[in-house]
Amino acid sequence: MSTADIPARTGERPPPAAAPWRPGVQSIAAAVIGVAALTLGVIGSRPDVAVLGLPFVLGFAWAWFTRPTTTSRQALRQATGRRGSGTDAASDGLIGTVSADLVLDPAPGAEVLRVRVSSAGHREGQALIDVGGPGPRTVRMHLDTARTGVQPMFRTDLVWSSYDQTMVAGPSRLGPLRVTVYPTAIPLRRLPMPRRLQGLTGPHTSRRVGDGTDLHDVNLFTPGDRLRRIDWRVTARRSLDVTTGRLGELYVRRTFATADATIVLVVDSRDNVGPDVDTWGGGKEARVDEPTSLDLAREAATSLAKRYIDGGDRVGLDDLGLRRRPVAPAGGRKQLDRITQRLATIAPEGSPTARERAPQVPSSALVVIFSTFLDDEAARMAHQWHAQAHRVIAVDVLPQVRVHHLDSYQQTAYALVRLERGIRLERLRRTGVEVVHWVGDPDGHGSSTSADIDLLVLSRPGHRVRTR
């Protein structure tokens, strides 16, 4: 956590501080010493002792009567953040920076501001800021984190001081702010498509005959065919009557129609586990410098959404943990912003009830589900979508687990969980659901290749991800 003093004029005046000015510890100590010296000098008839205490009393009186007459003002600006971008799809441990602005308007006479900034899981940062001089200024605070979503950050404690800390105001507290940390999209080369494409136009070549660029065949001219599609060479070769020089039937070049793809991203927000297995029970907080499963799910969903939307496809979003209105499939930059905003706000909430049926998705859509698959719910939904003739890709977002610090009982419990998870993933593969591991091989059931390569292989017809 770091701070940087950036003087700047602000158009909005911060709210007034609640803490009034009062004598500081040094000022009180000087007053006590001065009064004690004067008292001893008067009682003991020692003018020299009384004279020694006089400067301390006069200094305190001068500081009190010349103290600032107005209170200083401060405010903590709402901030949003975006993690730093990476280049590998399996970017476990990606660290980024978020920031907030502390707006200060010191009272006349204020000289120094002591600031202490703290956030859960981070070392607190302290700074002394020279606030002498007219006008407000802005202090920018930075925080490095591997977490995304809505996070409480930047709890700020402030103490104003003036005249060599003889007068102080505070301490006062601001925040913490609920900072929305948006996930970052990681570049991906190619992504798989649905089995069937729909729509009248789009960036992909469909199997239907229509307006496009790829040649389908050459056929006889029929009503409705465009004249510019007449192939005169084929017409002259096949229907020219050499005796009369007249043409018989006309032949046209038919092409494949273009269409767009519909992609539905489904995030399982029911659990949020970190790399340390002993934090899965909820009694211990996961480290903030390591992404959890939900952080990886947000990152993976954002990466796929950006790649599909940049390619001209329609993308929607649903949450398996909350029964709220999903983001309907659409395209364009605004749709990507809507998906990113929804991803940044999803979080585990209570104990959701099991679904009887899988959420409804458009016909012929590609369904991509992001989950840890630590229980049967997400796998059961994937099986239902596959039974409805959808192409389903299961993206495993379990982080790289650490078990070396577990005791024998915890090791046994984790071994059972790991075994059940492995069986669950193998059943998905056998029923036709394609499995991709976002973080390589988190627990021995993954793949030795990166997610980008696995998705590239899935984008080729007739290929599937090879697992160990």
Protein backbone atom coordinates (compact mmCIF):
# COMPACT_ATOMS: atom_id res chain seq x y z
CA MET A 1 0.00 0.00 0.00
CA SER A 2 1.45 3.35 -0.98
CA THR A 3 0.46 7.00 -1.06
CA ALA A 4 1.57 9.83 -3.30
CA ASP A 5 0.83 13.50 -2.66
CA ILE A 6 -0.65 15.02 -5.81
CA PRO A 7 -1.67 18.67 -5.33
CA ALA A 8 -4.78 19.44 -7.33
CA ARG A 9 -7.69 21.85 -7.21
CA THR A 10 -11.00 20.14 -6.68
CA GLY A 11 -14.32 21.45 -7.86
CA GLU A 12 -16.32 19.75 -5.06
CA ARG A 13 -15.68 20.91 -1.49
CA PRO A 14 -15.18 18.00 0.93
CA PRO A 15 -17.50 17.70 3.91
CA PRO A 16 -16.31 19.31 7.17
CA ALA A 17 -14.40 17.24 9.68
CA ALA A 18 -16.12 16.40 12.94
CA ALA A 19 -12.99 16.58 15.17
CA PRO A 20 -12.27 20.05 16.67
CA TRP A 21 -8.83 21.39 17.49
CA ARG A 22 -7.40 20.52 20.92
CA PRO A 23 -4.00 20.75 22.64
CA GLY A 24 -1.57 18.05 21.67
CA VAL A 25 0.51 15.87 23.96
CA GLN A 26 3.56 18.12 23.61
CA SER A 27 1.52 21.23 24.37
CA ILE A 28 -0.07 19.66 27.45
CA ALA A 29 3.32 18.48 28.68
CA ALA A 30 4.77 21.98 28.24
CA ALA A 31 1.84 23.50 30.17
CA VAL A 32 2.24 21.01 33.03
CA ILE A 33 5.99 21.67 33.24
CA GLY A 34 5.46 25.44 33.15
CA VAL A 35 2.74 25.45 35.82
CA ALA A 36 4.80 23.12 38.03
CA ALA A 37 7.89 25.36 37.73
CA LEU A 38 5.88 28.51 38.51
CA THR A 39 4.24 26.84 41.50
CA LEU A 40 7.55 25.61 42.93
CA GLY A 41 9.12 29.02 42.35
CA VAL A 42 6.32 30.86 44.18
CA ILE A 43 6.14 28.38 47.07
CA GLY A 44 9.90 28.19 47.52
CA SER A 45 10.52 31.90 46.89
CA ARG A 46 12.77 30.99 43.99
CA PRO A 47 12.34 33.52 41.17
CA ASP A 48 14.87 31.68 39.01
CA VAL A 49 12.76 28.52 39.06
CA ALA A 50 9.60 30.50 38.28
CA VAL A 51 11.32 32.16 35.32
CA LEU A 52 12.21 28.74 33.91
CA GLY A 53 8.54 27.77 33.75
CA LEU A 54 7.38 31.05 32.25
CA PRO A 55 8.34 30.21 28.59
CA PHE A 56 6.41 26.94 28.77
CA VAL A 57 3.25 28.66 30.00
CA LEU A 58 3.55 31.49 27.47
CA GLY A 59 4.14 28.98 24.66
CA PHE A 60 1.01 27.06 25.58
CA ALA A 61 -1.03 30.26 25.81
CA TRP A 62 0.27 31.46 22.44
CA ALA A 63 -0.60 28.11 20.82
CA TRP A 64 -4.08 28.14 22.34
CA PHE A 65 -5.05 31.69 21.39
CA THR A 66 -3.57 31.41 17.87
CA ARG A 67 -5.01 27.94 17.11
CA PRO A 68 -6.90 27.44 13.82
CA THR A 69 -10.39 28.83 14.05
CA THR A 70 -11.85 26.54 11.38
CA THR A 71 -11.79 22.77 11.03
CA SER A 72 -9.97 20.98 8.25
CA ARG A 73 -11.99 19.03 5.72
CA GLN A 74 -11.33 15.65 4.19
CA ALA A 75 -13.14 13.17 1.99
CA LEU A 76 -12.41 9.77 0.49
CA ARG A 77 -13.46 9.47 -3.13
CA GLN A 78 -15.21 6.41 -4.40
CA ALA A 79 -12.87 4.50 -6.65
CA THR A 80 -13.07 1.58 -9.01
CA GLY A 81 -10.14 -0.50 -10.06
CA ARG A 82 -9.03 -2.90 -12.73
CA ARG A 83 -6.37 -5.46 -12.26
CA GLY A 84 -3.25 -5.44 -14.39
CA SER A 85 -3.48 -7.48 -17.57
CA GLY A 86 -1.61 -10.71 -18.22
CA THR A 87 -0.60 -12.64 -21.31
CA ASP A 88 -1.23 -16.22 -20.25
CA ALA A 89 -4.65 -17.70 -19.74
CA ALA A 90 -3.44 -19.60 -16.71
CA SER A 91 -2.32 -16.44 -14.93
CA ASP A 92 -2.57 -17.73 -11.38
CA GLY A 93 -1.38 -15.03 -9.02
CA LEU A 94 -2.02 -12.07 -11.31
CA ILE A 95 -1.50 -8.92 -9.26
CA GLY A 96 -3.01 -5.56 -10.15
CA THR A 97 -3.36 -2.12 -8.66
CA VAL A 98 -6.47 -0.25 -7.52
CA SER A 99 -6.52 3.31 -6.24
CA ALA A 100 -8.56 5.83 -4.26
CA ASP A 101 -8.24 9.59 -3.77
CA LEU A 102 -8.07 11.31 -0.39
CA VAL A 103 -9.25 14.91 -0.89
CA LEU A 104 -7.87 17.34 1.69
CA ASP A 105 -8.78 20.96 2.44
CA PRO A 106 -6.60 21.99 5.42
CA ALA A 107 -7.63 24.78 7.73
CA PRO A 108 -5.42 27.91 7.84
CA GLY A 109 -2.61 27.14 10.27
CA ALA A 110 -2.57 23.36 9.74
CA GLU A 111 0.91 22.11 8.96
CA VAL A 112 1.12 18.30 9.05
CA LEU A 113 -1.35 15.47 8.50
CA ARG A 114 -0.68 11.98 9.80
CA VAL A 115 -2.44 9.33 7.71
CA ARG A 116 -2.81 5.61 8.37
CA VAL A 117 -4.43 3.50 5.65
CA SER A 118 -5.43 -0.11 6.21
CA SER A 119 -7.32 -2.82 4.33
CA ALA A 120 -8.20 -6.35 5.35
CA GLY A 121 -5.36 -8.73 4.59
CA HIS A 122 -2.85 -5.95 3.77
CA ARG A 123 -0.11 -4.30 5.78
CA GLU A 124 -1.16 -0.87 6.90
CA GLY A 125 0.54 2.17 5.39
CA GLN A 126 1.44 5.34 7.27
CA ALA A 127 2.54 8.72 5.94
CA LEU A 128 3.22 12.29 7.08
CA ILE A 129 1.88 14.85 4.60
CA ASP A 130 2.91 18.48 4.52
CA VAL A 131 -0.36 20.37 4.22
CA GLY A 132 1.06 23.87 4.63
CA GLY A 133 0.02 26.28 1.94
CA PRO A 134 -3.30 27.43 0.55
CA GLY A 135 -5.81 25.40 -1.37
CA PRO A 136 -7.01 21.78 -1.32
CA ARG A 137 -4.97 18.90 -2.61
CA THR A 138 -5.44 15.24 -3.49
CA VAL A 139 -3.50 12.27 -2.13
CA ARG A 140 -3.68 9.20 -4.32
CA MET A 141 -3.52 5.85 -2.54
CA HIS A 142 -2.62 2.62 -4.31
CA LEU A 143 -3.27 -0.96 -3.30
CA ASP A 144 -1.95 -4.15 -4.91
CA THR A 145 -4.37 -7.06 -4.91
CA ALA A 146 -5.09 -10.29 -6.75
CA ARG A 147 -8.78 -10.23 -5.82
CA THR A 148 -11.70 -8.97 -7.88
CA GLY A 149 -15.29 -8.06 -7.09
CA VAL A 150 -16.59 -5.66 -4.46
CA GLN A 151 -13.91 -5.33 -1.78
CA PRO A 152 -13.82 -3.14 1.38
CA MET A 153 -10.61 -1.13 1.08
CA PHE A 154 -8.85 2.06 2.19
CA ARG A 155 -9.94 2.53 5.80
CA THR A 156 -8.22 5.84 6.56
CA ASP A 157 -7.40 7.36 9.98
CA LEU A 158 -6.26 11.01 10.03
CA VAL A 159 -4.77 13.36 12.66
CA TRP A 160 -4.21 17.04 11.80
CA SER A 161 -1.56 19.06 13.65
CA SER A 162 -0.38 22.67 13.65
CA TYR A 163 2.40 24.79 15.17
CA ASP A 164 4.85 21.93 15.70
CA GLN A 165 2.07 19.62 16.85
CA THR A 166 1.05 21.87 19.75
CA MET A 167 -2.55 21.68 18.51
CA VAL A 168 -4.12 18.57 16.94
CA ALA A 169 -7.49 17.64 15.47
CA GLY A 170 -8.58 14.05 15.40
CA PRO A 171 -8.24 11.18 15.07
CA SER A 172 -11.02 10.92 12.49
CA ARG A 173 -11.84 7.95 10.30
CA LEU A 174 -12.95 7.65 6.68
CA GLY A 175 -14.08 4.53 4.89
CA PRO A 176 -13.56 1.75 4.24
CA LEU A 177 -14.74 2.15 0.67
CA ARG A 178 -16.56 -0.58 -1.18
CA VAL A 179 -14.27 -0.64 -4.20
CA THR A 180 -15.38 -2.52 -7.29
CA VAL A 181 -12.34 -4.30 -8.74
CA TYR A 182 -13.13 -5.37 -12.29
CA PRO A 183 -11.64 -8.55 -13.77
CA THR A 184 -9.16 -8.30 -16.61
CA ALA A 185 -9.61 -9.99 -19.99
CA ILE A 186 -6.70 -12.19 -21.03
CA PRO A 187 -5.97 -12.48 -24.80
CA LEU A 188 -7.15 -15.75 -26.34
CA ARG A 189 -6.40 -16.90 -29.88
CA ARG A 190 -9.46 -18.89 -31.01
CA LEU A 191 -12.55 -20.15 -29.25
CA PRO A 192 -14.94 -23.03 -30.00
CA MET A 193 -18.26 -22.41 -31.74
CA PRO A 194 -21.74 -23.95 -31.28
CA ARG A 195 -22.64 -26.99 -33.34
CA ARG A 196 -25.18 -24.97 -35.29
CA LEU A 197 -25.09 -21.28 -36.16
CA GLN A 198 -28.21 -19.16 -36.34
CA GLY A 199 -29.05 -15.72 -37.61
CA LEU A 200 -29.24 -14.12 -41.05
CA THR A 201 -25.80 -12.54 -40.98
CA GLY A 202 -22.66 -12.67 -38.94
CA PRO A 203 -18.91 -13.27 -38.99
CA HIS A 204 -19.06 -17.07 -39.39
CA THR A 205 -19.81 -19.28 -42.38
CA SER A 206 -22.86 -21.47 -41.83
CA ARG A 207 -23.97 -24.63 -43.64
CA ARG A 208 -26.94 -22.93 -45.30
CA VAL A 209 -27.00 -21.50 -48.79
CA GLY A 210 -27.23 -17.72 -48.86
CA ASP A 211 -25.28 -14.51 -49.19
CA GLY A 212 -21.66 -15.03 -48.32
CA THR A 213 -18.16 -15.33 -49.76
CA ASP A 214 -17.37 -19.07 -49.60
CA LEU A 215 -18.48 -21.05 -52.67
CA HIS A 216 -21.14 -23.70 -52.11
CA ASP A 217 -21.77 -24.94 -55.67
CA VAL A 218 -22.89 -23.91 -59.18
CA ASN A 219 -26.57 -24.46 -59.91
CA LEU A 220 -29.26 -23.52 -62.41
CA PHE A 221 -30.68 -20.02 -62.21
CA THR A 222 -33.95 -19.88 -60.25
CA PRO A 223 -36.33 -17.00 -59.53
CA GLY A 224 -34.88 -14.87 -56.76
CA ASP A 225 -31.22 -15.38 -57.69
CA ARG A 226 -29.25 -12.20 -58.21
CA LEU A 227 -28.02 -11.43 -61.68
CA ARG A 228 -24.54 -10.59 -60.44
CA ARG A 229 -24.13 -14.20 -59.35
CA ILE A 230 -24.48 -15.58 -62.89
CA ASP A 231 -21.36 -17.54 -63.82
CA TRP A 232 -21.00 -16.80 -67.54
CA ARG A 233 -18.14 -19.21 -68.07
CA VAL A 234 -20.09 -22.18 -66.76
CA THR A 235 -23.20 -20.99 -68.62
CA ALA A 236 -21.28 -20.76 -71.92
CA ARG A 237 -19.67 -24.15 -71.40
CA ARG A 238 -22.85 -26.02 -70.50
CA SER A 239 -25.76 -24.33 -72.31
CA LEU A 240 -24.29 -22.73 -75.42
CA ASP A 241 -25.87 -24.05 -78.64
CA VAL A 242 -23.00 -24.04 -81.14
CA THR A 243 -25.33 -24.21 -84.17
CA THR A 244 -27.46 -21.20 -83.26
CA GLY A 245 -25.08 -19.35 -80.90
CA ARG A 246 -27.80 -18.97 -78.29
CA LEU A 247 -27.61 -19.68 -74.59
CA GLY A 248 -30.06 -22.08 -72.96
CA GLU A 249 -30.07 -22.32 -69.18
CA LEU A 250 -28.24 -19.83 -66.94
CA TYR A 251 -26.00 -21.01 -64.14
CA VAL A 252 -25.29 -19.10 -60.92
CA ARG A 253 -22.66 -19.42 -58.22
CA ARG A 254 -24.23 -20.22 -54.84
CA THR A 255 -22.40 -19.42 -51.60
CA PHE A 256 -22.67 -20.36 -47.95
CA ALA A 257 -24.65 -17.94 -45.81
CA THR A 258 -23.06 -16.14 -42.87
CA ALA A 259 -24.39 -16.27 -39.31
CA ASP A 260 -23.45 -15.35 -35.78
CA ALA A 261 -23.02 -17.55 -32.73
CA THR A 262 -24.89 -17.36 -29.43
CA ILE A 263 -22.79 -17.97 -26.33
CA VAL A 264 -24.16 -18.27 -22.78
CA LEU A 265 -21.65 -17.97 -19.93
CA VAL A 266 -22.78 -19.50 -16.65
CA VAL A 267 -20.78 -18.72 -13.49
CA ASP A 268 -21.16 -20.89 -10.40
CA SER A 269 -20.93 -18.36 -7.56
CA ARG A 270 -22.05 -20.76 -4.82
CA ASP A 271 -18.54 -21.24 -3.46
CA ASN A 272 -15.35 -19.22 -3.39
CA VAL A 273 -12.30 -21.25 -2.37
CA GLY A 274 -8.65 -20.28 -2.26
CA PRO A 275 -5.44 -22.26 -2.80
CA ASP A 276 -5.16 -23.21 0.89
CA VAL A 277 -7.45 -26.14 1.60
CA ASP A 278 -7.74 -25.22 5.29
CA THR A 279 -9.63 -22.04 4.29
CA TRP A 280 -12.38 -23.95 2.48
CA GLY A 281 -14.40 -24.39 5.66
CA GLY A 282 -14.77 -20.64 6.15
CA GLY A 283 -12.98 -20.38 9.50
CA LYS A 284 -9.90 -18.77 7.95
CA GLU A 285 -9.67 -16.02 5.36
CA ALA A 286 -7.87 -16.64 2.09
CA ARG A 287 -4.83 -14.55 1.28
CA VAL A 288 -5.53 -11.40 -0.73
CA ASP A 289 -2.40 -11.78 -2.88
CA GLU A 290 -3.73 -15.01 -4.43
CA PRO A 291 -6.88 -15.28 -6.57
CA THR A 292 -9.69 -17.50 -5.40
CA SER A 293 -11.87 -19.71 -7.56
CA LEU A 294 -14.42 -16.93 -8.04
CA ASP A 295 -11.66 -14.52 -9.07
CA LEU A 296 -10.51 -17.02 -11.68
CA ALA A 297 -14.11 -17.53 -12.83
CA ARG A 298 -14.54 -13.78 -13.31
CA GLU A 299 -11.26 -13.59 -15.20
CA ALA A 300 -12.09 -16.56 -17.44
CA ALA A 301 -15.64 -15.36 -18.19
CA THR A 302 -14.43 -11.84 -18.99
CA SER A 303 -11.73 -13.19 -21.31
CA LEU A 304 -14.15 -15.38 -23.24
CA ALA A 305 -16.83 -12.67 -23.38
CA LYS A 306 -14.40 -10.12 -24.82
CA ARG A 307 -13.04 -12.55 -27.40
CA TYR A 308 -16.50 -13.63 -28.57
CA ILE A 309 -17.91 -10.08 -28.67
CA ASP A 310 -14.84 -8.80 -30.53
CA GLY A 311 -15.54 -11.52 -33.09
CA GLY A 312 -19.10 -10.29 -33.65
CA ASP A 313 -20.95 -12.96 -31.65
CA ARG A 314 -23.77 -12.55 -29.12
CA VAL A 315 -22.90 -13.35 -25.49
CA GLY A 316 -25.13 -13.70 -22.43
CA LEU A 317 -24.43 -14.31 -18.73
CA ASP A 318 -26.20 -16.24 -15.99
CA ASP A 319 -25.39 -17.00 -12.37
CA LEU A 320 -25.89 -20.54 -11.13
CA GLY A 321 -25.84 -19.45 -7.49
CA LEU A 322 -28.46 -16.68 -7.61
CA ARG A 323 -31.86 -16.75 -9.24
CA ARG A 324 -31.88 -13.34 -10.79
CA ARG A 325 -32.62 -12.10 -14.27
CA PRO A 326 -29.74 -13.14 -16.55
CA VAL A 327 -27.96 -10.88 -19.00
CA ALA A 328 -29.63 -11.66 -22.33
CA PRO A 329 -27.32 -12.53 -25.27
CA ALA A 330 -26.29 -9.49 -27.28
CA GLY A 331 -23.24 -8.00 -28.93
CA GLY A 332 -21.32 -4.76 -28.86
CA ARG A 333 -19.17 -2.82 -26.43
CA LYS A 334 -22.06 -1.97 -24.11
CA GLN A 335 -22.88 -5.66 -23.75
CA LEU A 336 -19.29 -6.36 -22.70
CA ASP A 337 -19.56 -3.58 -20.10
CA ARG A 338 -22.81 -5.08 -18.77
CA ILE A 339 -21.24 -8.52 -18.48
CA THR A 340 -18.11 -7.16 -16.77
CA GLN A 341 -20.22 -5.18 -14.30
CA ARG A 342 -22.36 -8.21 -13.45
CA LEU A 343 -19.27 -10.41 -13.05
CA ALA A 344 -17.69 -7.89 -10.67
CA THR A 345 -20.75 -7.93 -8.39
CA ILE A 346 -21.50 -11.65 -8.15
CA ALA A 347 -20.56 -13.28 -4.85
CA PRO A 348 -21.70 -16.22 -2.71
CA GLU A 349 -24.92 -15.38 -0.87
CA GLY A 350 -26.24 -17.75 1.77
CA SER A 351 -27.11 -21.33 0.90
CA PRO A 352 -28.89 -21.42 -2.47
CA THR A 353 -31.43 -24.15 -3.03
CA ALA A 354 -30.75 -26.82 -5.63
CA ARG A 355 -32.30 -26.26 -9.06
CA GLU A 356 -34.67 -28.84 -10.46
CA ARG A 357 -33.95 -27.83 -14.04
CA ALA A 358 -31.06 -26.08 -15.72
CA PRO A 359 -31.50 -22.39 -16.59
CA GLN A 360 -33.09 -21.89 -19.99
CA VAL A 361 -30.71 -20.95 -22.78
CA PRO A 362 -31.39 -20.05 -26.44
CA SER A 363 -31.66 -22.83 -28.98
CA SER A 364 -28.35 -24.04 -30.46
CA ALA A 365 -26.34 -21.89 -28.06
CA LEU A 366 -22.91 -22.81 -26.78
CA VAL A 367 -22.99 -23.08 -22.97
CA VAL A 368 -19.78 -22.43 -21.03
CA ILE A 369 -20.02 -23.11 -17.30
CA PHE A 370 -17.34 -21.94 -14.85
CA SER A 371 -17.19 -23.92 -11.60
CA THR A 372 -14.91 -25.77 -9.19
CA PHE A 373 -17.09 -28.89 -9.48
CA LEU A 374 -16.65 -29.63 -5.79
CA ASP A 375 -20.26 -30.87 -5.68
CA ASP A 376 -22.76 -32.34 -8.11
CA GLU A 377 -24.87 -29.23 -8.83
CA ALA A 378 -22.80 -27.67 -11.64
CA ALA A 379 -22.09 -31.06 -13.24
CA ARG A 380 -25.80 -31.93 -13.15
CA MET A 381 -26.67 -28.69 -14.94
CA ALA A 382 -24.01 -29.41 -17.58
CA HIS A 383 -25.46 -32.88 -18.20
CA GLN A 384 -28.95 -31.40 -18.66
CA TRP A 385 -27.75 -28.84 -21.20
CA HIS A 386 -25.88 -31.54 -23.08
CA ALA A 387 -29.01 -33.70 -23.14
CA GLN A 388 -30.83 -30.76 -24.74
CA ALA A 389 -28.41 -30.93 -27.72
CA HIS A 390 -26.32 -27.94 -26.62
CA ARG A 391 -22.58 -27.98 -26.91
CA VAL A 392 -21.30 -27.59 -23.34
CA ILE A 393 -17.81 -26.63 -22.21
CA ALA A 394 -17.00 -26.98 -18.51
CA VAL A 395 -14.22 -24.62 -17.38
CA ASP A 396 -12.64 -25.77 -14.14
CA VAL A 397 -11.61 -22.69 -12.10
CA LEU A 398 -10.16 -24.42 -9.04
CA PRO A 399 -6.89 -22.65 -8.10
CA GLN A 400 -3.62 -24.50 -7.57
CA VAL A 401 -4.23 -26.16 -4.20
CA ARG A 402 -1.73 -26.46 -1.33
CA VAL A 403 -2.00 -29.38 1.08
CA HIS A 404 1.50 -29.73 2.57
CA HIS A 405 0.47 -27.97 5.81
CA LEU A 406 -2.58 -30.17 6.51
CA ASP A 407 -2.67 -32.71 9.33
CA SER A 408 -3.53 -36.37 8.80
CA TYR A 409 -7.29 -35.88 9.31
CA GLN A 410 -7.41 -32.96 6.89
CA GLN A 411 -5.34 -34.90 4.36
CA THR A 412 -7.83 -37.77 4.48
CA ALA A 413 -10.82 -35.44 4.08
CA TYR A 414 -9.20 -33.66 1.14
CA ALA A 415 -8.33 -36.98 -0.51
CA LEU A 416 -12.03 -37.93 -0.50
CA VAL A 417 -13.05 -34.54 -1.92
CA ARG A 418 -10.38 -34.80 -4.60
CA LEU A 419 -11.48 -38.33 -5.52
CA GLU A 420 -15.14 -37.30 -5.88
CA ARG A 421 -14.15 -34.28 -7.96
CA GLY A 422 -12.06 -36.44 -10.27
CA ILE A 423 -14.93 -38.89 -10.80
CA ARG A 424 -17.26 -35.97 -11.49
CA LEU A 425 -14.98 -34.50 -14.17
CA GLU A 426 -14.44 -37.89 -15.80
CA ARG A 427 -18.20 -38.44 -16.07
CA LEU A 428 -18.52 -35.08 -17.80
CA ARG A 429 -15.91 -36.09 -20.37
CA ARG A 430 -17.52 -39.48 -21.02
CA THR A 431 -20.96 -37.96 -21.63
CA GLY A 432 -19.60 -35.50 -24.21
CA VAL A 433 -19.07 -32.38 -22.11
CA GLU A 434 -15.69 -30.86 -22.98
CA VAL A 435 -13.60 -29.95 -19.92
CA VAL A 436 -11.01 -27.17 -19.83
CA HIS A 437 -8.87 -26.35 -16.79
CA TRP A 438 -8.20 -22.62 -16.46
CA VAL A 439 -5.21 -23.23 -14.17
CA GLY A 440 -3.47 -26.17 -15.79
CA ASP A 441 -3.41 -29.01 -13.26
CA PRO A 442 -4.71 -27.69 -9.90
CA ASP A 443 -5.07 -31.02 -8.09
CA GLY A 444 -3.92 -33.81 -10.39
CA HIS A 445 -7.10 -33.97 -12.50
CA GLY A 446 -6.14 -31.24 -14.92
CA SER A 447 -4.10 -30.86 -18.09
CA SER A 448 -0.44 -30.16 -18.74
CA THR A 449 -1.35 -27.57 -21.38
CA SER A 450 -2.69 -24.05 -20.89
CA ALA A 451 -6.34 -23.10 -21.22
CA ASP A 452 -5.56 -21.06 -24.33
CA ILE A 453 -4.18 -24.14 -26.11
CA ASP A 454 -7.08 -26.32 -24.96
CA LEU A 455 -9.60 -23.80 -26.27
CA LEU A 456 -7.64 -23.53 -29.52
CA VAL A 457 -7.85 -27.30 -29.95
CA LEU A 458 -11.58 -27.25 -29.20
CA SER A 459 -12.09 -24.61 -31.89
CA ARG A 460 -10.96 -27.09 -34.57
CA PRO A 461 -13.70 -29.43 -35.87
CA GLY A 462 -13.39 -33.00 -34.68
CA HIS A 463 -10.93 -32.31 -31.88
CA ARG A 464 -11.29 -32.41 -28.13
CA VAL A 465 -9.07 -31.59 -25.21
CA ARG A 466 -6.65 -34.34 -24.31
CA THR A 467 -6.22 -34.91 -20.60
CA ARG A 468 -3.68 -36.84 -18.73
